Amino acid sequence: MEITEGEIMRDPDRAIRVLTVLRQAGASLALDDFSTGFSSLSYRTRLPLDSLKIDLYFVRTMSVNEGSATIVRSVIKLDRDLKLETVAEGVEAAVMAQTLAR
């Protein structure tokens, strides 16, 4: 079952109920492409998430765009503080993985 970001925004209480049932049934839940579109920090505390995926754009541009690097660092720190797993899309080199793991 897929719930789109638009559905979450239209009826966040319903989305929370559905995701909670899925998680109780043993599903692992992740929010994909965080920090794009309508993504909201409230998703992190309201939705029963296990992990969050940082959008490919920010990962790919973090070495040349300080704004992207700041966003990536901030998302990783926030996830650690909230005890969420962070997935960075597009990691293709050990150096990039090491940078993200710091």
C-alpha atoms as a PDB file:
ATOM      1  CA  MET A   1       0.000   0.000   0.000  1.00  0.00           C
ATOM      2  CA  GLU A   2       1.315   3.415  -0.860  1.00  0.00           C
ATOM      3  CA  ILE A   3       0.259   6.678   0.715  1.00  0.00           C
ATOM      4  CA  THR A   4       1.316   9.739  -1.192  1.00  0.00           C
ATOM      5  CA  GLU A   5       2.534  12.974   0.305  1.00  0.00           C
ATOM      6  CA  GLY A   6      -0.587  14.670  -1.048  1.00  0.00           C
ATOM      7  CA  GLU A   7      -2.812  12.218   0.813  1.00  0.00           C
ATOM      8  CA  ILE A   8      -0.872  12.807   4.004  1.00  0.00           C
ATOM      9  CA  MET A   9      -1.338  16.552   3.633  1.00  0.00           C
ATOM     10  CA  ARG A  10      -5.066  16.240   2.822  1.00  0.00           C
ATOM     11  CA  ASP A  11      -5.826  13.939   5.739  1.00  0.00           C
ATOM     12  CA  PRO A  12      -2.828  13.591   8.060  1.00  0.00           C
ATOM     13  CA  ASP A  13      -4.856  11.946  10.834  1.00  0.00           C
ATOM     14  CA  ARG A  14      -5.984   9.144   8.485  1.00  0.00           C
ATOM     15  CA  ALA A  15      -2.432   8.681   7.220  1.00  0.00           C
ATOM     16  CA  ILE A  16      -1.142   8.415  10.780  1.00  0.00           C
ATOM     17  CA  ARG A  17      -3.787   5.793  11.621  1.00  0.00           C
ATOM     18  CA  VAL A  18      -3.008   3.703   8.525  1.00  0.00           C
ATOM     19  CA  LEU A  19       0.758   3.922   9.038  1.00  0.00           C
ATOM     20  CA  THR A  20       0.418   3.035  12.709  1.00  0.00           C
ATOM     21  CA  VAL A  21      -1.546  -0.111  11.817  1.00  0.00           C
ATOM     22  CA  LEU A  22       1.073  -1.064   9.229  1.00  0.00           C
ATOM     23  CA  ARG A  23       3.903  -0.556  11.706  1.00  0.00           C
ATOM     24  CA  GLN A  24       2.085  -2.604  14.365  1.00  0.00           C
ATOM     25  CA  ALA A  25       1.783  -5.357  11.763  1.00  0.00           C
ATOM     26  CA  GLY A  26       5.574  -5.372  11.432  1.00  0.00           C
ATOM     27  CA  ALA A  27       6.145  -3.103   8.443  1.00  0.00           C
ATOM     28  CA  SER A  28       9.158  -0.818   8.454  1.00  0.00           C
ATOM     29  CA  LEU A  29       8.232   2.694   7.347  1.00  0.00           C
ATOM     30  CA  ALA A  30      10.387   5.259   5.570  1.00  0.00           C
ATOM     31  CA  LEU A  31       9.728   8.731   4.217  1.00  0.00           C
ATOM     32  CA  ASP A  32      11.294   9.007   0.765  1.00  0.00           C
ATOM     33  CA  ASP A  33      12.793  12.145  -0.796  1.00  0.00           C
ATOM     34  CA  PHE A  34      12.628  14.173   2.379  1.00  0.00           C
ATOM     35  CA  SER A  35      13.295  17.899   1.931  1.00  0.00           C
ATOM     36  CA  THR A  36      11.621  18.116  -1.462  1.00  0.00           C
ATOM     37  CA  GLY A  37       8.072  18.994  -2.380  1.00  0.00           C
ATOM     38  CA  PHE A  38       5.782  19.472   0.585  1.00  0.00           C
ATOM     39  CA  SER A  39       7.975  17.662   3.123  1.00  0.00           C
ATOM     40  CA  SER A  40       7.459  18.896   6.631  1.00  0.00           C
ATOM     41  CA  LEU A  41       9.436  18.508   9.828  1.00  0.00           C
ATOM     42  CA  SER A  42       6.177  17.612  11.537  1.00  0.00           C
ATOM     43  CA  TYR A  43       6.233  14.298   9.626  1.00  0.00           C
ATOM     44  CA  ARG A  44       9.193  13.269  11.764  1.00  0.00           C
ATOM     45  CA  THR A  45       7.283  13.519  15.009  1.00  0.00           C
ATOM     46  CA  ARG A  46       3.726  12.747  13.892  1.00  0.00           C
ATOM     47  CA  LEU A  47       4.200   9.795  11.545  1.00  0.00           C
ATOM     48  CA  PRO A  48       5.354   6.436  12.940  1.00  0.00           C
ATOM     49  CA  LEU A  49       8.523   6.353  10.827  1.00  0.00           C
ATOM     50  CA  ASP A  50      11.584   4.151  11.189  1.00  0.00           C
ATOM     51  CA  SER A  51      13.756   5.870   8.622  1.00  0.00           C
ATOM     52  CA  LEU A  52      14.001   8.801   6.315  1.00  0.00           C
ATOM     53  CA  LYS A  53      15.619   9.039   2.896  1.00  0.00           C
ATOM     54  CA  ILE A  54      17.510  12.187   1.997  1.00  0.00           C
ATOM     55  CA  ASP A  55      16.782  13.195  -1.586  1.00  0.00           C
ATOM     56  CA  LEU A  56      19.413  12.353  -4.202  1.00  0.00           C
ATOM     57  CA  TYR A  57      19.830  16.005  -5.195  1.00  0.00           C
ATOM     58  CA  PHE A  58      21.133  17.039  -1.781  1.00  0.00           C
ATOM     59  CA  VAL A  59      23.481  14.058  -1.511  1.00  0.00           C
ATOM     60  CA  ARG A  60      24.901  14.569  -5.002  1.00  0.00           C
ATOM     61  CA  THR A  61      25.423  18.319  -4.582  1.00  0.00           C
ATOM     62  CA  MET A  62      26.650  18.419  -0.988  1.00  0.00           C
ATOM     63  CA  SER A  63      30.312  18.561  -2.067  1.00  0.00           C
ATOM     64  CA  VAL A  64      29.775  21.641  -4.251  1.00  0.00           C
ATOM     65  CA  ASN A  65      26.854  23.395  -2.600  1.00  0.00           C
ATOM     66  CA  GLU A  66      27.200  24.478   1.021  1.00  0.00           C
ATOM     67  CA  GLY A  67      23.425  24.788   1.352  1.00  0.00           C
ATOM     68  CA  SER A  68      22.990  21.137   0.363  1.00  0.00           C
ATOM     69  CA  ALA A  69      25.768  20.093   2.740  1.00  0.00           C
ATOM     70  CA  THR A  70      24.111  21.973   5.593  1.00  0.00           C
ATOM     71  CA  ILE A  71      20.743  20.363   4.882  1.00  0.00           C
ATOM     72  CA  VAL A  72      22.288  16.875   4.776  1.00  0.00           C
ATOM     73  CA  ARG A  73      24.182  17.393   8.039  1.00  0.00           C
ATOM     74  CA  SER A  74      21.099  18.826   9.722  1.00  0.00           C
ATOM     75  CA  VAL A  75      18.839  15.972   8.601  1.00  0.00           C
ATOM     76  CA  ILE A  76      21.348  13.364   9.809  1.00  0.00           C
ATOM     77  CA  LYS A  77      21.719  15.096  13.191  1.00  0.00           C
ATOM     78  CA  LEU A  78      17.960  15.444  13.620  1.00  0.00           C
ATOM     79  CA  ASP A  79      17.410  11.788  12.701  1.00  0.00           C
ATOM     80  CA  ARG A  80      20.028  10.680  15.219  1.00  0.00           C
ATOM     81  CA  ASP A  81      18.379  12.779  17.918  1.00  0.00           C
ATOM     82  CA  LEU A  82      14.972  11.296  17.057  1.00  0.00           C
ATOM     83  CA  LYS A  83      16.444   7.786  16.811  1.00  0.00           C
ATOM     84  CA  LEU A  84      15.514   7.394  13.155  1.00  0.00           C
ATOM     85  CA  GLU A  85      17.618   5.621  10.562  1.00  0.00           C
ATOM     86  CA  THR A  86      18.848   7.880   7.763  1.00  0.00           C
ATOM     87  CA  VAL A  87      19.225   6.678   4.185  1.00  0.00           C
ATOM     88  CA  ALA A  88      21.174   8.871   1.774  1.00  0.00           C
ATOM     89  CA  GLU A  89      20.226   8.218  -1.845  1.00  0.00           C
ATOM     90  CA  GLY A  90      22.941   8.057  -4.474  1.00  0.00           C
ATOM     91  CA  VAL A  91      25.964   7.210  -2.333  1.00  0.00           C
ATOM     92  CA  GLU A  92      28.362   5.636  -4.822  1.00  0.00           C
ATOM     93  CA  ALA A  93      31.796   6.151  -3.282  1.00  0.00           C
ATOM     94  CA  ALA A  94      33.409   5.211   0.028  1.00  0.00           C
ATOM     95  CA  VAL A  95      34.524   8.814   0.560  1.00  0.00           C
ATOM     96  CA  MET A  96      30.925  10.026   0.335  1.00  0.00           C
ATOM     97  CA  ALA A  97      29.753   7.317   2.736  1.00  0.00           C
ATOM     98  CA  GLN A  98      32.490   8.275   5.212  1.00  0.00           C
ATOM     99  CA  THR A  99      31.529  11.938   4.986  1.00  0.00           C
ATOM    100  CA  LEU A 100      27.914  11.094   5.748  1.00  0.00           C
ATOM    101  CA  ALA A 101      28.835   8.780   8.626  1.00  0.00           C
ATOM    102  CA  ARG A 102      30.642  11.524  10.582  1.00  0.00           C
END
